[in-house]
Amino acid sequence: MQRICGLVWPIVLSVVLPLVAAWFAYPETHLPPGFGVFPPLLVAEAPGFNLIIFVALALVEAAVVLFLLFPQWFGFTLPTPSPKPAAAAFPVWFWFGAALTLFFWWLMWTRVTPFGDLVYYAFTPLWWGFILTLDGLVYRRSGGYSLLAARPKTLFISAAVSIVGWFYFEYFDYFALGNWYYPNTADGVMPLSHATVVLLFLTAYTTVWPAIFEWYTLLNTFPGLVGRYSNGPKIALPGGFLLWGGFFLILILVFFPYPLFWVLWIGTLAIFSGQLLRKGVWNPFTAMAEGNWSPALLVALSSLCNGFLWELWNWGSNANPAFPATNPNYWIYDIPYVNVIHIFSEMPLLGYMGYMPFGILVWVVFIWLGALFGFDTALLKDDQGKG
């Protein structure tokens, strides 16, 4: 019981703190504008472009890119890659997933009507088809290992965690005054009932965690990439500092939602990771303290890789204004200061880097729930005992 309480109280406090802060930040309503509207809609236009902030963020992101491309400049030793296992045949679910992906991708982008209302439901089968495709590719490259083949329970649990986890982030998005919102869910846009739209969102939420985990297992089939970040500086992050620093960031986010919009991801990551470190529960930062940065960086890159498809498929579903809106899950960003340079996406160019901490956050939330409820959170074949 003591262990459970030790894991639970920081997350409960992370939910309560913004509500307490909002009581003072919004003295008339005691809640931020738009709070509780689901799916979230536009609250107000965020502050416009700021060159100084844009350049500063671009320089930070350039440094991250250099670190990823040339880790040896930052104290990493590049070992000889391990040999790859012999490839296995593509499993049957790879072909089934590929067919689903291609069909629903075509349907969502062309918005054809011969299939009736099916176009409104295309988002979730598109993504589950892609998850099966990734899993089949992992199976082939790893010589017969994949989440679906060897850890189906983990994959299905990750889908359930995905619903809860994304609701958690949607909750903080209210206090950031809507970094993203869903314009097609406004009254009169979709010929669907609100109950149907909510159900579509719940099913769509099941895809976030599984997709990132499939990318993570795929990237781990490239020995050179794994070894690239496995022997670096040993940096032990202080759990207590992360935990209380995360609380502080979330608290002040409510009062300064635009300059601190990034706290939505960094503050929550600090809270989850800090408490896991304090409780001695393995997580990607545990490996980093041992000099192995691969778990943290590969799950971050997994989220970034998946992010390009999230944004591409989302953009294409609404790109042609000559057609009526047919994707209720379509989202737009309202990010302050840097919401410029959109290349086949609603996401601004500099915003893509936010997918990296998000990927780590996805995994630590999963590990936290695994520690709380006692389910296995290992993702790789040789990960027994981790998580």
Foldseek 3Di string as FASTA:
>chain_A
DVVLCLLPVLVVLLLVLLLVLLCVLPVPPSFFPQAPDPPGDARDFFAAADVVVQVVLVVVVVVVVCCLVCVVVAFFDQDDFDDWDQFDDQDPLLVVLVVQQVVLLVCLQVVDDPVPLVNQLSQLSNLVSVLSNLQSLLCGRRVGDGCVRPPVVLLQVLLVLLLVVVVLLSNLCRLLNHQKGFVCLPPPQDPDDPVVLVVSVSSNSSRQRSQLLSQLSVLVSDRSSQSRQAAGDQDQDALVCLQVVLSVLSNCCNNVSQVSVLSSLSSLLSNLVSSCVVSVAFAQSVSSNVRGNRVLQSSLVSQLVVVVVVFQSLLSSCVDVVDRRSYRPRMAGSHHNQQDPDDNGNRGPSRSSSSRSVSSSSLSSVSSVCVNVVDDSDGYPPRPPHD
